[in-house]
């Protein structure tokens, strides 16, 4: 079971993702943009972040850069990028992760990528 932070400005998507993760034994919290995501991390460090790219206030790449700059002593947090962008692979590279899922996606694929990211972080 992992504590997962979902950062997505589409409330319906964020809540659906949180609901999807429950049967897999994970708990999830949501944030509506990168700035709120950073505040949530400061409150309780997640084991994984599901991160949208295009958001108001602070976008996904901006949040990832801010997180890397302010680590605050916590371990690296694996990030799974979620985006409809045709350039998702390049965006994931910019963020510093090899884990990404292109919208729209199947729930099975998302769970597979989440589990793979968690497993690689535990190694």
PDB file of N, CA and C in Angstrom:
ATOM      1  N   UNK A   1       0.843  -1.182   0.000  1.00  0.00           N
ATOM      2  CA  UNK A   1       0.000   0.000   0.000  1.00  0.00           C
ATOM      3  C   UNK A   1       0.883   1.238   0.000  1.00  0.00           C
ATOM      4  N   UNK A   2       0.524   2.203  -0.828  1.00  0.00           N
ATOM      5  CA  UNK A   2       1.307   3.428  -0.922  1.00  0.00           C
ATOM      6  C   UNK A   2       0.400   4.645  -0.737  1.00  0.00           C
ATOM      7  N   UNK A   3       0.990   5.689  -0.202  1.00  0.00           N
ATOM      8  CA  UNK A   3       0.344   6.979  -0.066  1.00  0.00           C
ATOM      9  C   UNK A   3       0.669   7.767  -1.335  1.00  0.00           C
ATOM     10  N   UNK A   4      -0.353   8.089  -2.131  1.00  0.00           N
ATOM     11  CA  UNK A   4      -0.147   8.713  -3.438  1.00  0.00           C
ATOM     12  C   UNK A   4      -0.786  10.098  -3.454  1.00  0.00           C
ATOM     13  N   UNK A   5      -0.071  11.056  -4.037  1.00  0.00           N
ATOM     14  CA  UNK A   5      -0.598  12.402  -4.237  1.00  0.00           C
ATOM     15  C   UNK A   5      -0.929  12.564  -5.714  1.00  0.00           C
ATOM     16  N   UNK A   6      -2.176  12.945  -5.994  1.00  0.00           N
ATOM     17  CA  UNK A   6      -2.634  13.188  -7.354  1.00  0.00           C
ATOM     18  C   UNK A   6      -2.724  14.694  -7.547  1.00  0.00           C
ATOM     19  N   UNK A   7      -1.963  15.216  -8.505  1.00  0.00           N
ATOM     20  CA  UNK A   7      -1.964  16.656  -8.770  1.00  0.00           C
ATOM     21  C   UNK A   7      -2.529  16.864 -10.167  1.00  0.00           C
ATOM     22  N   UNK A   8      -3.778  17.312 -10.230  1.00  0.00           N
ATOM     23  CA  UNK A   8      -4.475  17.501 -11.506  1.00  0.00           C
ATOM     24  C   UNK A   8      -5.536  18.575 -11.312  1.00  0.00           C
ATOM     25  N   UNK A   9      -5.612  19.532 -12.219  1.00  0.00           N
ATOM     26  CA  UNK A   9      -6.583  20.613 -12.077  1.00  0.00           C
ATOM     27  C   UNK A   9      -7.999  20.201 -12.448  1.00  0.00           C
ATOM     28  N   UNK A  10      -8.180  19.036 -13.044  1.00  0.00           N
ATOM     29  CA  UNK A  10      -9.514  18.527 -13.351  1.00  0.00           C
ATOM     30  C   UNK A  10      -9.982  17.694 -12.161  1.00  0.00           C
ATOM     31  N   UNK A  11     -10.843  18.276 -11.346  1.00  0.00           N
ATOM     32  CA  UNK A  11     -11.312  17.638 -10.107  1.00  0.00           C
ATOM     33  C   UNK A  11     -11.903  16.258 -10.364  1.00  0.00           C
ATOM     34  N   UNK A  12     -12.685  16.111 -11.442  1.00  0.00           N
ATOM     35  CA  UNK A  12     -13.304  14.817 -11.737  1.00  0.00           C
ATOM     36  C   UNK A  12     -12.254  13.748 -12.010  1.00  0.00           C
ATOM     37  N   UNK A  13     -11.237  14.098 -12.772  1.00  0.00           N
ATOM     38  CA  UNK A  13     -10.165  13.139 -13.051  1.00  0.00           C
ATOM     39  C   UNK A  13      -9.422  12.788 -11.765  1.00  0.00           C
ATOM     40  N   UNK A  14      -9.080  13.794 -10.968  1.00  0.00           N
ATOM     41  CA  UNK A  14      -8.350  13.546  -9.725  1.00  0.00           C
ATOM     42  C   UNK A  14      -9.135  12.621  -8.800  1.00  0.00           C
ATOM     43  N   UNK A  15     -10.426  12.879  -8.652  1.00  0.00           N
ATOM     44  CA  UNK A  15     -11.247  12.039  -7.773  1.00  0.00           C
ATOM     45  C   UNK A  15     -11.414  10.627  -8.335  1.00  0.00           C
ATOM     46  N   UNK A  16     -11.559  10.510  -9.655  1.00  0.00           N
ATOM     47  CA  UNK A  16     -11.664   9.183 -10.278  1.00  0.00           C
ATOM     48  C   UNK A  16     -10.370   8.392 -10.071  1.00  0.00           C
ATOM     49  N   UNK A  17      -9.231   9.067 -10.206  1.00  0.00           N
ATOM     50  CA  UNK A  17      -7.952   8.397  -9.974  1.00  0.00           C
ATOM     51  C   UNK A  17      -7.833   7.930  -8.527  1.00  0.00           C
ATOM     52  N   UNK A  18      -8.228   8.781  -7.604  1.00  0.00           N
ATOM     53  CA  UNK A  18      -8.176   8.401  -6.185  1.00  0.00           C
ATOM     54  C   UNK A  18      -9.051   7.178  -5.929  1.00  0.00           C
ATOM     55  N   UNK A  19     -10.255   7.172  -6.499  1.00  0.00           N
ATOM     56  CA  UNK A  19     -11.155   6.027  -6.334  1.00  0.00           C
ATOM     57  C   UNK A  19     -10.575   4.765  -6.959  1.00  0.00           C
ATOM     58  N   UNK A  20      -9.924   4.909  -8.101  1.00  0.00           N
ATOM     59  CA  UNK A  20      -9.320   3.777  -8.796  1.00  0.00           C
ATOM     60  C   UNK A  20      -8.211   3.138  -7.972  1.00  0.00           C
ATOM     61  N   UNK A  21      -7.466   3.942  -7.259  1.00  0.00           N
ATOM     62  CA  UNK A  21      -6.313   3.438  -6.502  1.00  0.00           C
ATOM     63  C   UNK A  21      -6.715   2.669  -5.238  1.00  0.00           C
ATOM     64  N   UNK A  22      -7.893   2.942  -4.704  1.00  0.00           N
ATOM     65  CA  UNK A  22      -8.328   2.284  -3.465  1.00  0.00           C
ATOM     66  C   UNK A  22      -8.358   0.761  -3.553  1.00  0.00           C
ATOM     67  N   UNK A  23      -8.986   0.155  -4.585  1.00  0.00           N
ATOM     68  CA  UNK A  23      -9.013  -1.309  -4.649  1.00  0.00           C
ATOM     69  C   UNK A  23      -7.623  -1.939  -4.766  1.00  0.00           C
ATOM     70  N   UNK A  24      -6.654  -1.161  -5.236  1.00  0.00           N
ATOM     71  CA  UNK A  24      -5.282  -1.661  -5.332  1.00  0.00           C
ATOM     72  C   UNK A  24      -4.541  -1.535  -4.011  1.00  0.00           C
ATOM     73  N   UNK A  25      -5.234  -1.035  -2.984  1.00  0.00           N
ATOM     74  CA  UNK A  25      -4.643  -0.929  -1.649  1.00  0.00           C
ATOM     75  C   UNK A  25      -3.917   0.372  -1.387  1.00  0.00           C
ATOM     76  N   UNK A  26      -4.041   1.344  -2.282  1.00  0.00           N
ATOM     77  CA  UNK A  26      -3.345   2.609  -2.104  1.00  0.00           C
ATOM     78  C   UNK A  26      -4.290   3.657  -1.531  1.00  0.00           C
ATOM     79  N   UNK A  27      -3.727   4.610  -0.811  1.00  0.00           N
ATOM     80  CA  UNK A  27      -4.499   5.765  -0.371  1.00  0.00           C
ATOM     81  C   UNK A  27      -4.078   6.943  -1.235  1.00  0.00           C
ATOM     82  N   UNK A  28      -4.986   7.889  -1.426  1.00  0.00           N
ATOM     83  CA  UNK A  28      -4.668   9.006  -2.301  1.00  0.00           C
ATOM     84  C   UNK A  28      -5.246  10.303  -1.768  1.00  0.00           C
ATOM     85  N   UNK A  29      -4.476  11.364  -1.974  1.00  0.00           N
ATOM     86  CA  UNK A  29      -4.928  12.730  -1.711  1.00  0.00           C
ATOM     87  C   UNK A  29      -4.811  13.475  -3.023  1.00  0.00           C
ATOM     88  N   UNK A  30      -5.527  14.580  -3.136  1.00  0.00           N
ATOM     89  CA  UNK A  30      -5.483  15.337  -4.379  1.00  0.00           C
ATOM     90  C   UNK A  30      -5.050  16.775  -4.132  1.00  0.00           C
ATOM     91  N   UNK A  31      -4.550  17.380  -5.199  1.00  0.00           N
ATOM     92  CA  UNK A  31      -4.214  18.800  -5.225  1.00  0.00           C
ATOM     93  C   UNK A  31      -4.603  19.310  -6.608  1.00  0.00           C
ATOM     94  N   UNK A  32      -5.062  20.558  -6.670  1.00  0.00           N
ATOM     95  CA  UNK A  32      -5.588  21.088  -7.926  1.00  0.00           C
ATOM     96  C   UNK A  32      -4.558  21.807  -8.786  1.00  0.00           C
ATOM     97  N   UNK A  33      -3.358  22.002  -8.275  1.00  0.00           N
ATOM     98  CA  UNK A  33      -2.276  22.594  -9.065  1.00  0.00           C
ATOM     99  C   UNK A  33      -0.959  22.339  -8.350  1.00  0.00           C
ATOM    100  N   UNK A  34       0.141  22.725  -9.020  1.00  0.00           N
ATOM    101  CA  UNK A  34       1.457  22.445  -8.459  1.00  0.00           C
ATOM    102  C   UNK A  34       1.727  23.126  -7.129  1.00  0.00           C
ATOM    103  N   UNK A  35       1.226  24.349  -6.961  1.00  0.00           N
ATOM    104  CA  UNK A  35       1.442  25.058  -5.695  1.00  0.00           C
ATOM    105  C   UNK A  35       0.761  24.324  -4.548  1.00  0.00           C
ATOM    106  N   UNK A  36      -0.468  23.909  -4.769  1.00  0.00           N
ATOM    107  CA  UNK A  36      -1.170  23.156  -3.732  1.00  0.00           C
ATOM    108  C   UNK A  36      -0.504  21.796  -3.525  1.00  0.00           C
ATOM    109  N   UNK A  37      -0.002  21.209  -4.597  1.00  0.00           N
ATOM    110  CA  UNK A  37       0.713  19.933  -4.484  1.00  0.00           C
ATOM    111  C   UNK A  37       1.924  20.055  -3.574  1.00  0.00           C
ATOM    112  N   UNK A  38       2.694  21.129  -3.722  1.00  0.00           N
ATOM    113  CA  UNK A  38       3.864  21.341  -2.853  1.00  0.00           C
ATOM    114  C   UNK A  38       3.446  21.499  -1.393  1.00  0.00           C
ATOM    115  N   UNK A  39       2.338  22.175  -1.158  1.00  0.00           N
ATOM    116  CA  UNK A  39       1.839  22.311   0.228  1.00  0.00           C
ATOM    117  C   UNK A  39       1.431  20.952   0.791  1.00  0.00           C
ATOM    118  N   UNK A  40       0.769  20.134  -0.021  1.00  0.00           N
ATOM    119  CA  UNK A  40       0.355  18.792   0.431  1.00  0.00           C
ATOM    120  C   UNK A  40       1.578  17.933   0.763  1.00  0.00           C
ATOM    121  N   UNK A  41       2.632  18.058  -0.035  1.00  0.00           N
ATOM    122  CA  UNK A  41       3.853  17.294   0.221  1.00  0.00           C
ATOM    123  C   UNK A  41       4.472  17.722   1.542  1.00  0.00           C
ATOM    124  N   UNK A  42       4.465  19.013   1.820  1.00  0.00           N
ATOM    125  CA  UNK A  42       5.017  19.515   3.081  1.00  0.00           C
ATOM    126  C   UNK A  42       4.226  18.992   4.277  1.00  0.00           C
ATOM    127  N   UNK A  43       2.921  18.775   4.108  1.00  0.00           N
ATOM    128  CA  UNK A  43       2.063  18.257   5.183  1.00  0.00           C
ATOM    129  C   UNK A  43       2.305  16.767   5.436  1.00  0.00           C
ATOM    130  N   UNK A  44       2.452  16.007   4.361  1.00  0.00           N
ATOM    131  CA  UNK A  44       2.608  14.558   4.452  1.00  0.00           C
ATOM    132  C   UNK A  44       3.262  14.063   3.158  1.00  0.00           C
ATOM    133  N   UNK A  45       4.494  13.626   3.238  1.00  0.00           N
ATOM    134  CA  UNK A  45       5.263  13.243   2.051  1.00  0.00           C
ATOM    135  C   UNK A  45       4.681  11.951   1.458  1.00  0.00           C
ATOM    136  N   UNK A  46       4.261  12.008   0.191  1.00  0.00           N
ATOM    137  CA  UNK A  46       3.714  10.811  -0.450  1.00  0.00           C
ATOM    138  C   UNK A  46       4.823   9.878  -0.916  1.00  0.00           C
ATOM    139  N   UNK A  47       4.433   8.655  -1.241  1.00  0.00           N
ATOM    140  CA  UNK A  47       5.382   7.687  -1.784  1.00  0.00           C
ATOM    141  C   UNK A  47       5.441   7.752  -3.308  1.00  0.00           C
ATOM    142  N   UNK A  48       4.453   8.444  -3.916  1.00  0.00           N
ATOM    143  CA  UNK A  48       4.404   8.582  -5.364  1.00  0.00           C
ATOM    144  C   UNK A  48       3.514   9.769  -5.695  1.00  0.00           C
ATOM    145  N   UNK A  49       3.827  10.444  -6.808  1.00  0.00           N
ATOM    146  CA  UNK A  49       3.013  11.559  -7.277  1.00  0.00           C
ATOM    147  C   UNK A  49       2.515  11.245  -8.676  1.00  0.00           C
ATOM    148  N   UNK A  50       1.200  11.363  -8.887  1.00  0.00           N
ATOM    149  CA  UNK A  50       0.616  11.341 -10.221  1.00  0.00           C
ATOM    150  C   UNK A  50       0.473  12.801 -10.604  1.00  0.00           C
ATOM    151  N   UNK A  51       1.160  13.235 -11.650  1.00  0.00           N
ATOM    152  CA  UNK A  51       1.288  14.658 -11.950  1.00  0.00           C
ATOM    153  C   UNK A  51       0.814  15.010 -13.350  1.00  0.00           C
ATOM    154  N   UNK A  52      -0.207  15.864 -13.396  1.00  0.00           N
ATOM    155  CA  UNK A  52      -0.653  16.428 -14.664  1.00  0.00           C
ATOM    156  C   UNK A  52       0.372  17.477 -15.096  1.00  0.00           C
ATOM    157  N   UNK A  53       0.364  17.847 -16.352  1.00  0.00           N
ATOM    158  CA  UNK A  53       1.352  18.800 -16.861  1.00  0.00           C
ATOM    159  C   UNK A  53       0.792  20.211 -16.912  1.00  0.00           C
ATOM    160  N   UNK A  54      -0.326  20.384 -17.583  1.00  0.00           N
ATOM    161  CA  UNK A  54      -0.887  21.720 -17.762  1.00  0.00           C
ATOM    162  C   UNK A  54      -1.889  22.023 -16.661  1.00  0.00           C
ATOM    163  N   UNK A  55      -1.508  22.977 -15.797  1.00  0.00           N
ATOM    164  CA  UNK A  55      -2.356  23.381 -14.677  1.00  0.00           C
ATOM    165  C   UNK A  55      -2.158  24.870 -14.421  1.00  0.00           C
ATOM    166  N   UNK A  56      -3.155  25.524 -13.812  1.00  0.00           N
ATOM    167  CA  UNK A  56      -2.987  26.935 -13.451  1.00  0.00           C
ATOM    168  C   UNK A  56      -2.038  27.075 -12.256  1.00  0.00           C
ATOM    169  N   UNK A  57      -1.687  28.277 -11.946  1.00  0.00           N
ATOM    170  CA  UNK A  57      -0.835  28.616 -10.796  1.00  0.00           C
ATOM    171  C   UNK A  57       0.592  28.090 -10.977  1.00  0.00           C
ATOM    172  N   UNK A  58       0.766  26.800 -10.944  1.00  0.00           N
ATOM    173  CA  UNK A  58       2.081  26.187 -11.116  1.00  0.00           C
ATOM    174  C   UNK A  58       1.874  24.874 -11.863  1.00  0.00           C
ATOM    175  N   UNK A  59       2.468  24.757 -13.049  1.00  0.00           N
ATOM    176  CA  UNK A  59       2.266  23.561 -13.860  1.00  0.00           C
ATOM    177  C   UNK A  59       3.110  22.392 -13.350  1.00  0.00           C
ATOM    178  N   UNK A  60       2.934  21.238 -13.976  1.00  0.00           N
ATOM    179  CA  UNK A  60       3.642  20.029 -13.548  1.00  0.00           C
ATOM    180  C   UNK A  60       5.154  20.151 -13.582  1.00  0.00           C
ATOM    181  N   UNK A  61       5.732  20.583 -14.716  1.00  0.00           N
ATOM    182  CA  UNK A  61       7.193  20.741 -14.734  1.00  0.00           C
ATOM    183  C   UNK A  61       7.685  21.751 -13.686  1.00  0.00           C
ATOM    184  N   UNK A  62       6.936  22.834 -13.492  1.00  0.00           N
ATOM    185  CA  UNK A  62       7.322  23.822 -12.476  1.00  0.00           C
ATOM    186  C   UNK A  62       7.279  23.237 -11.079  1.00  0.00           C
ATOM    187  N   UNK A  63       6.266  22.428 -10.801  1.00  0.00           N
ATOM    188  CA  UNK A  63       6.180  21.780  -9.493  1.00  0.00           C
ATOM    189  C   UNK A  63       7.346  20.822  -9.291  1.00  0.00           C
ATOM    190  N   UNK A  64       7.662  20.040 -10.331  1.00  0.00           N
ATOM    191  CA  UNK A  64       8.765  19.079 -10.216  1.00  0.00           C
ATOM    192  C   UNK A  64      10.089  19.795  -9.967  1.00  0.00           C
ATOM    193  N   UNK A  65      10.318  20.923 -10.662  1.00  0.00           N
ATOM    194  CA  UNK A  65      11.547  21.698 -10.434  1.00  0.00           C
ATOM    195  C   UNK A  65      11.591  22.250  -9.014  1.00  0.00           C
ATOM    196  N   UNK A  66      10.470  22.789  -8.546  1.00  0.00           N
ATOM    197  CA  UNK A  66      10.415  23.335  -7.187  1.00  0.00           C
ATOM    198  C   UNK A  66      10.640  22.233  -6.156  1.00  0.00           C
ATOM    199  N   UNK A  67      10.062  21.069  -6.383  1.00  0.00           N
ATOM    200  CA  UNK A  67      10.237  19.940  -5.471  1.00  0.00           C
ATOM    201  C   UNK A  67      11.696  19.518  -5.414  1.00  0.00           C
ATOM    202  N   UNK A  68      12.333  19.438  -6.564  1.00  0.00           N
ATOM    203  CA  UNK A  68      13.750  19.047  -6.609  1.00  0.00           C
ATOM    204  C   UNK A  68      14.616  20.080  -5.895  1.00  0.00           C
ATOM    205  N   UNK A  69      14.266  21.340  -6.001  1.00  0.00           N
ATOM    206  CA  UNK A  69      15.062  22.413  -5.390  1.00  0.00           C
ATOM    207  C   UNK A  69      14.893  22.487  -3.879  1.00  0.00           C
ATOM    208  N   UNK A  70      13.745  22.055  -3.386  1.00  0.00           N
ATOM    209  CA  UNK A  70      13.472  22.207  -1.958  1.00  0.00           C
ATOM    210  C   UNK A  70      13.332  20.883  -1.221  1.00  0.00           C
ATOM    211  N   UNK A  71      13.943  19.864  -1.647  1.00  0.00           N
ATOM    212  CA  UNK A  71      13.799  18.504  -1.104  1.00  0.00           C
ATOM    213  C   UNK A  71      13.479  18.438   0.393  1.00  0.00           C
ATOM    214  N   UNK A  72      13.992  19.324   1.185  1.00  0.00           N
ATOM    215  CA  UNK A  72      13.707  19.357   2.629  1.00  0.00           C
ATOM    216  C   UNK A  72      14.039  18.061   3.343  1.00  0.00           C
ATOM    217  N   UNK A  73      14.999  17.322   2.839  1.00  0.00           N
ATOM    218  CA  UNK A  73      15.454  16.129   3.531  1.00  0.00           C
ATOM    219  C   UNK A  73      14.644  14.876   3.283  1.00  0.00           C
ATOM    220  N   UNK A  74      13.538  14.959   2.554  1.00  0.00           N
ATOM    221  CA  UNK A  74      12.813  13.722   2.300  1.00  0.00           C
ATOM    222  C   UNK A  74      13.377  13.018   1.076  1.00  0.00           C
ATOM    223  N   UNK A  75      13.141  11.711   1.010  1.00  0.00           N
ATOM    224  CA  UNK A  75      13.714  10.923  -0.091  1.00  0.00           C
ATOM    225  C   UNK A  75      13.091  11.327  -1.426  1.00  0.00           C
ATOM    226  N   UNK A  76      13.756  10.988  -2.530  1.00  0.00           N
ATOM    227  CA  UNK A  76      13.168  11.262  -3.846  1.00  0.00           C
ATOM    228  C   UNK A  76      11.796  10.596  -3.968  1.00  0.00           C
ATOM    229  N   UNK A  77      10.868  11.308  -4.544  1.00  0.00           N
ATOM    230  CA  UNK A  77       9.506  10.807  -4.704  1.00  0.00           C
ATOM    231  C   UNK A  77       9.298  10.471  -6.182  1.00  0.00           C
ATOM    232  N   UNK A  78       8.985   9.223  -6.512  1.00  0.00           N
ATOM    233  CA  UNK A  78       8.741   8.904  -7.917  1.00  0.00           C
ATOM    234  C   UNK A  78       7.525   9.660  -8.452  1.00  0.00           C
ATOM    235  N   UNK A  79       7.623  10.083  -9.697  1.00  0.00           N
ATOM    236  CA  UNK A  79       6.549  10.830 -10.341  1.00  0.00           C
ATOM    237  C   UNK A  79       6.095  10.067 -11.581  1.00  0.00           C
ATOM    238  N   UNK A  80       4.768   9.966 -11.736  1.00  0.00           N
ATOM    239  CA  UNK A  80       4.164   9.444 -12.958  1.00  0.00           C
ATOM    240  C   UNK A  80       3.459  10.622 -13.607  1.00  0.00           C
ATOM    241  N   UNK A  81       3.897  10.989 -14.800  1.00  0.00           N
ATOM    242  CA  UNK A  81       3.300  12.100 -15.534  1.00  0.00           C
ATOM    243  C   UNK A  81       2.047  11.612 -16.246  1.00  0.00           C
ATOM    244  N   UNK A  82       0.979  12.406 -16.146  1.00  0.00           N
ATOM    245  CA  UNK A  82      -0.277  12.106 -16.822  1.00  0.00           C
ATOM    246  C   UNK A  82      -0.605  13.308 -17.685  1.00  0.00           C
ATOM    247  N   UNK A  83      -0.724  13.105 -18.994  1.00  0.00           N
ATOM    248  CA  UNK A  83      -0.986  14.231 -19.880  1.00  0.00           C
ATOM    249  C   UNK A  83      -1.568  13.751 -21.202  1.00  0.00           C
ATOM    250  N   UNK A  84      -2.310  14.647 -21.854  1.00  0.00           N
ATOM    251  CA  UNK A  84      -2.813  14.375 -23.200  1.00  0.00           C
ATOM    252  C   UNK A  84      -1.839  14.882 -24.253  1.00  0.00           C
ATOM    253  N   UNK A  85      -0.759  15.486 -23.847  1.00  0.00           N
ATOM    254  CA  UNK A  85       0.203  16.073 -24.768  1.00  0.00           C
ATOM    255  C   UNK A  85       0.827  15.016 -25.679  1.00  0.00           C
ATOM    256  N   UNK A  86       0.987  15.380 -26.934  1.00  0.00           N
ATOM    257  CA  UNK A  86       1.668  14.488 -27.878  1.00  0.00           C
ATOM    258  C   UNK A  86       3.144  14.355 -27.524  1.00  0.00           C
ATOM    259  N   UNK A  87       3.675  15.303 -26.766  1.00  0.00           N
ATOM    260  CA  UNK A  87       5.086  15.308 -26.367  1.00  0.00           C
ATOM    261  C   UNK A  87       5.291  14.767 -24.958  1.00  0.00           C
ATOM    262  N   UNK A  88       4.466  13.846 -24.532  1.00  0.00           N
ATOM    263  CA  UNK A  88       4.512  13.388 -23.142  1.00  0.00           C
ATOM    264  C   UNK A  88       5.869  12.793 -22.767  1.00  0.00           C
ATOM    265  N   UNK A  89       6.487  12.083 -23.676  1.00  0.00           N
ATOM    266  CA  UNK A  89       7.798  11.485 -23.361  1.00  0.00           C
ATOM    267  C   UNK A  89       8.826  12.583 -23.072  1.00  0.00           C
ATOM    268  N   UNK A  90       8.837  13.635 -23.873  1.00  0.00           N
ATOM    269  CA  UNK A  90       9.761  14.745 -23.648  1.00  0.00           C
ATOM    270  C   UNK A  90       9.429  15.488 -22.351  1.00  0.00           C
ATOM    271  N   UNK A  91       8.132  15.645 -22.061  1.00  0.00           N
ATOM    272  CA  UNK A  91       7.732  16.285 -20.805  1.00  0.00           C
ATOM    273  C   UNK A  91       8.193  15.461 -19.607  1.00  0.00           C
ATOM    274  N   UNK A  92       8.034  14.148 -19.699  1.00  0.00           N
ATOM    275  CA  UNK A  92       8.496  13.276 -18.620  1.00  0.00           C
ATOM    276  C   UNK A  92      10.007  13.409 -18.445  1.00  0.00           C
ATOM    277  N   UNK A  93      10.740  13.472 -19.554  1.00  0.00           N
ATOM    278  CA  UNK A  93      12.192  13.672 -19.475  1.00  0.00           C
ATOM    279  C   UNK A  93      12.533  14.987 -18.786  1.00  0.00           C
ATOM    280  N   UNK A  94      11.811  16.068 -19.125  1.00  0.00           N
ATOM    281  CA  UNK A  94      12.035  17.371 -18.486  1.00  0.00           C
ATOM    282  C   UNK A  94      11.802  17.288 -16.977  1.00  0.00           C
ATOM    283  N   UNK A  95      10.799  16.531 -16.596  1.00  0.00           N
ATOM    284  CA  UNK A  95      10.446  16.397 -15.181  1.00  0.00           C
ATOM    285  C   UNK A  95      11.421  15.474 -14.467  1.00  0.00           C
ATOM    286  N   UNK A  96      12.109  14.626 -15.220  1.00  0.00           N
ATOM    287  CA  UNK A  96      13.081  13.730 -14.624  1.00  0.00           C
ATOM    288  C   UNK A  96      12.524  12.372 -14.247  1.00  0.00           C
ATOM    289  N   UNK A  97      11.536  11.922 -15.010  1.00  0.00           N
ATOM    290  CA  UNK A  97      10.956  10.603 -14.746  1.00  0.00           C
ATOM    291  C   UNK A  97      10.833   9.833 -16.053  1.00  0.00           C
ATOM    292  N   UNK A  98      10.844   8.521 -15.939  1.00  0.00           N
ATOM    293  CA  UNK A  98      10.612   7.692 -17.124  1.00  0.00           C
ATOM    294  C   UNK A  98       9.203   7.106 -17.111  1.00  0.00           C
ATOM    295  N   UNK A  99       8.427   7.490 -16.102  1.00  0.00           N
ATOM    296  CA  UNK A  99       7.076   6.952 -15.942  1.00  0.00           C
ATOM    297  C   UNK A  99       6.042   7.969 -16.412  1.00  0.00           C
ATOM    298  N   UNK A 100       5.223   7.566 -17.386  1.00  0.00           N
ATOM    299  CA  UNK A 100       4.188   8.456 -17.895  1.00  0.00           C
ATOM    300  C   UNK A 100       3.037   7.647 -18.470  1.00  0.00           C
ATOM    301  N   UNK A 101       1.859   8.288 -18.505  1.00  0.00           N
ATOM    302  CA  UNK A 101       0.659   7.690 -19.079  1.00  0.00           C
ATOM    303  C   UNK A 101      -0.035   8.787 -19.879  1.00  0.00           C
ATOM    304  N   UNK A 102      -0.326   8.489 -21.139  1.00  0.00           N
ATOM    305  CA  UNK A 102      -0.987   9.467 -22.007  1.00  0.00           C
ATOM    306  C   UNK A 102      -2.505   9.386 -21.850  1.00  0.00           C
ATOM    307  N   UNK A 103      -3.139  10.564 -21.644  1.00  0.00           N
ATOM    308  CA  UNK A 103      -4.600  10.648 -21.593  1.00  0.00           C
ATOM    309  C   UNK A 103      -5.145  10.577 -23.010  1.00  0.00           C
ATOM    310  N   UNK A 104      -6.252   9.907 -23.252  1.00  0.00           N
ATOM    311  CA  UNK A 104      -6.967   9.056 -22.311  1.00  0.00           C
ATOM    312  C   UNK A 104      -6.221   7.733 -22.142  1.00  0.00           C
ATOM    313  N   UNK A 105      -6.366   7.120 -21.009  1.00  0.00           N
ATOM    314  CA  UNK A 105      -5.645   5.889 -20.704  1.00  0.00           C
ATOM    315  C   UNK A 105      -6.594   4.867 -20.111  1.00  0.00           C
ATOM    316  N   UNK A 106      -6.165   3.618 -20.138  1.00  0.00           N
ATOM    317  CA  UNK A 106      -6.958   2.573 -19.489  1.00  0.00           C
ATOM    318  C   UNK A 106      -6.557   2.524 -18.023  1.00  0.00           C
ATOM    319  N   UNK A 107      -7.492   2.169 -17.183  1.00  0.00           N
ATOM    320  CA  UNK A 107      -7.216   2.058 -15.739  1.00  0.00           C
ATOM    321  C   UNK A 107      -6.147   1.008 -15.488  1.00  0.00           C
ATOM    322  N   UNK A 108      -6.201  -0.096 -16.246  1.00  0.00           N
ATOM    323  CA  UNK A 108      -5.207  -1.156 -16.066  1.00  0.00           C
ATOM    324  C   UNK A 108      -3.798  -0.652 -16.351  1.00  0.00           C
ATOM    325  N   UNK A 109      -3.647   0.129 -17.411  1.00  0.00           N
ATOM    326  CA  UNK A 109      -2.336   0.675 -17.738  1.00  0.00           C
ATOM    327  C   UNK A 109      -1.857   1.608 -16.633  1.00  0.00           C
ATOM    328  N   UNK A 110      -2.732   2.449 -16.128  1.00  0.00           N
ATOM    329  CA  UNK A 110      -2.336   3.369 -15.067  1.00  0.00           C
ATOM    330  C   UNK A 110      -1.842   2.599 -13.844  1.00  0.00           C
ATOM    331  N   UNK A 111      -2.587   1.593 -13.413  1.00  0.00           N
ATOM    332  CA  UNK A 111      -2.185   0.804 -12.244  1.00  0.00           C
ATOM    333  C   UNK A 111      -0.846   0.120 -12.512  1.00  0.00           C
ATOM    334  N   UNK A 112      -0.667  -0.394 -13.718  1.00  0.00           N
ATOM    335  CA  UNK A 112       0.597  -1.050 -14.070  1.00  0.00           C
ATOM    336  C   UNK A 112       1.773  -0.074 -13.952  1.00  0.00           C
ATOM    337  N   UNK A 113       1.611   1.134 -14.470  1.00  0.00           N
ATOM    338  CA  UNK A 113       2.689   2.128 -14.420  1.00  0.00           C
ATOM    339  C   UNK A 113       2.933   2.582 -12.973  1.00  0.00           C
ATOM    340  N   UNK A 114       1.879   2.767 -12.194  1.00  0.00           N
ATOM    341  CA  UNK A 114       2.032   3.139 -10.780  1.00  0.00           C
ATOM    342  C   UNK A 114       2.814   2.065 -10.036  1.00  0.00           C
ATOM    343  N   UNK A 115       2.440   0.812 -10.228  1.00  0.00           N
ATOM    344  CA  UNK A 115       3.127  -0.281  -9.525  1.00  0.00           C
ATOM    345  C   UNK A 115       4.602  -0.389  -9.963  1.00  0.00           C
ATOM    346  N   UNK A 116       4.844  -0.171 -11.261  1.00  0.00           N
ATOM    347  CA  UNK A 116       6.232  -0.220 -11.758  1.00  0.00           C
ATOM    348  C   UNK A 116       7.059   0.926 -11.148  1.00  0.00           C
ATOM    349  N   UNK A 117       6.483   2.123 -11.072  1.00  0.00           N
ATOM    350  CA  UNK A 117       7.197   3.268 -10.480  1.00  0.00           C
ATOM    351  C   UNK A 117       7.479   3.037  -8.999  1.00  0.00           C
ATOM    352  N   UNK A 118       6.507   2.495  -8.288  1.00  0.00           N
ATOM    353  CA  UNK A 118       6.713   2.193  -6.853  1.00  0.00           C
ATOM    354  C   UNK A 118       7.786   1.136  -6.680  1.00  0.00           C
ATOM    355  N   UNK A 119       7.750   0.093  -7.507  1.00  0.00           N
ATOM    356  CA  UNK A 119       8.752  -0.978  -7.407  1.00  0.00           C
ATOM    357  C   UNK A 119      10.158  -0.452  -7.683  1.00  0.00           C
ATOM    358  N   UNK A 120      10.297   0.402  -8.701  1.00  0.00           N
ATOM    359  CA  UNK A 120      11.637   0.920  -9.007  1.00  0.00           C
ATOM    360  C   UNK A 120      12.124   1.845  -7.898  1.00  0.00           C
ATOM    361  N   UNK A 121      11.225   2.549  -7.245  1.00  0.00           N
ATOM    362  CA  UNK A 121      11.635   3.432  -6.142  1.00  0.00           C
ATOM    363  C   UNK A 121      12.056   2.642  -4.916  1.00  0.00           C
ATOM    364  N   UNK A 122      11.491   1.467  -4.727  1.00  0.00           N
ATOM    365  CA  UNK A 122      11.809   0.644  -3.556  1.00  0.00           C
ATOM    366  C   UNK A 122      13.135  -0.085  -3.707  1.00  0.00           C
ATOM    367  N   UNK A 123      13.650  -0.170  -4.941  1.00  0.00           N
ATOM    368  CA  UNK A 123      14.927  -0.871  -5.182  1.00  0.00           C
ATOM    369  C   UNK A 123      16.080  -0.054  -4.723  1.00  0.00           C
TER     370      UNK A 123
END
